[in-house]
Amino acid sequence: VPHFYCHFKQFVVVQNAPGMFSFVAKEKWNAWNAKKGLSKEDAEVEYIKVVESLKEKYGI
């Protein structure tokens, strides 16, 4: 899920790091931050690729 989420957040918003006890939010932020520097357009393309692969995998 973080792989999917990080592309979405990269092209939708910019966010600040969550508090140190927000474990789920911190994991999401780490995934997003790993894609830092990726353009909005590239992030959108990667997001679509992930969605398409999930659709194919689960037959949606």
Protein backbone atom coordinates (compact mmCIF):
# COMPACT_ATOMS: atom_id res chain seq x y z
CA VAL A 1 0.00 0.00 0.00
CA PRO A 2 2.75 2.55 0.73
CA HIS A 3 4.03 2.10 -2.84
CA PHE A 4 0.57 2.95 -4.16
CA TYR A 5 0.01 5.77 -1.68
CA CYS A 6 3.34 7.52 -2.25
CA HIS A 7 2.65 8.13 -5.95
CA PHE A 8 -0.81 9.47 -5.19
CA LYS A 9 0.44 11.89 -2.54
CA GLN A 10 3.35 12.99 -4.70
CA PHE A 11 1.10 14.38 -7.43
CA VAL A 12 -1.79 15.51 -5.23
CA VAL A 13 -0.31 17.39 -2.26
CA VAL A 14 2.80 18.32 -0.37
CA GLN A 15 2.69 17.46 3.30
CA ASN A 16 4.75 17.90 6.44
CA ALA A 17 6.14 15.02 8.48
CA PRO A 18 3.66 13.61 11.04
CA GLY A 19 4.30 13.38 14.76
CA MET A 20 6.56 10.61 16.01
CA PHE A 21 3.70 8.64 17.59
CA SER A 22 1.54 8.65 14.45
CA PHE A 23 2.91 5.31 13.26
CA VAL A 24 0.62 4.78 10.27
CA ALA A 25 0.93 8.39 9.15
CA LYS A 26 4.72 8.18 9.56
CA GLU A 27 4.91 5.06 7.35
CA LYS A 28 2.85 6.78 4.67
CA TRP A 29 5.01 9.88 4.91
CA ASN A 30 8.20 7.80 4.62
CA ALA A 31 6.86 6.18 1.43
CA TRP A 32 5.90 9.59 0.04
CA ASN A 33 9.21 11.16 1.05
CA ALA A 34 11.14 8.37 -0.71
CA LYS A 35 9.71 9.74 -3.98
CA LYS A 36 10.82 13.30 -3.22
CA GLY A 37 11.89 15.11 -6.38
CA LEU A 38 9.58 13.10 -8.63
CA SER A 39 7.59 15.50 -10.81
CA LYS A 40 3.81 15.60 -10.49
CA GLU A 41 3.49 14.27 -14.03
CA ASP A 42 5.87 11.35 -13.41
CA ALA A 43 4.15 10.53 -10.12
CA GLU A 44 0.78 10.51 -11.86
CA VAL A 45 2.10 8.16 -14.56
CA GLU A 46 3.54 5.82 -11.90
CA TYR A 47 0.27 5.94 -9.94
CA ILE A 48 -1.70 4.95 -13.02
CA LYS A 49 0.71 2.07 -13.69
CA VAL A 50 0.21 0.78 -10.14
CA VAL A 51 -3.59 1.07 -10.44
CA GLU A 52 -3.57 -0.74 -13.77
CA SER A 53 -1.40 -3.55 -12.40
CA LEU A 54 -3.76 -3.94 -9.42
CA LYS A 55 -6.78 -4.00 -11.72
CA GLU A 56 -5.14 -6.71 -13.81
CA LYS A 57 -4.06 -8.70 -10.72
CA TYR A 58 -7.52 -8.64 -9.13
CA GLY A 59 -9.61 -8.68 -12.30
CA ILE A 60 -11.34 -5.37 -11.75
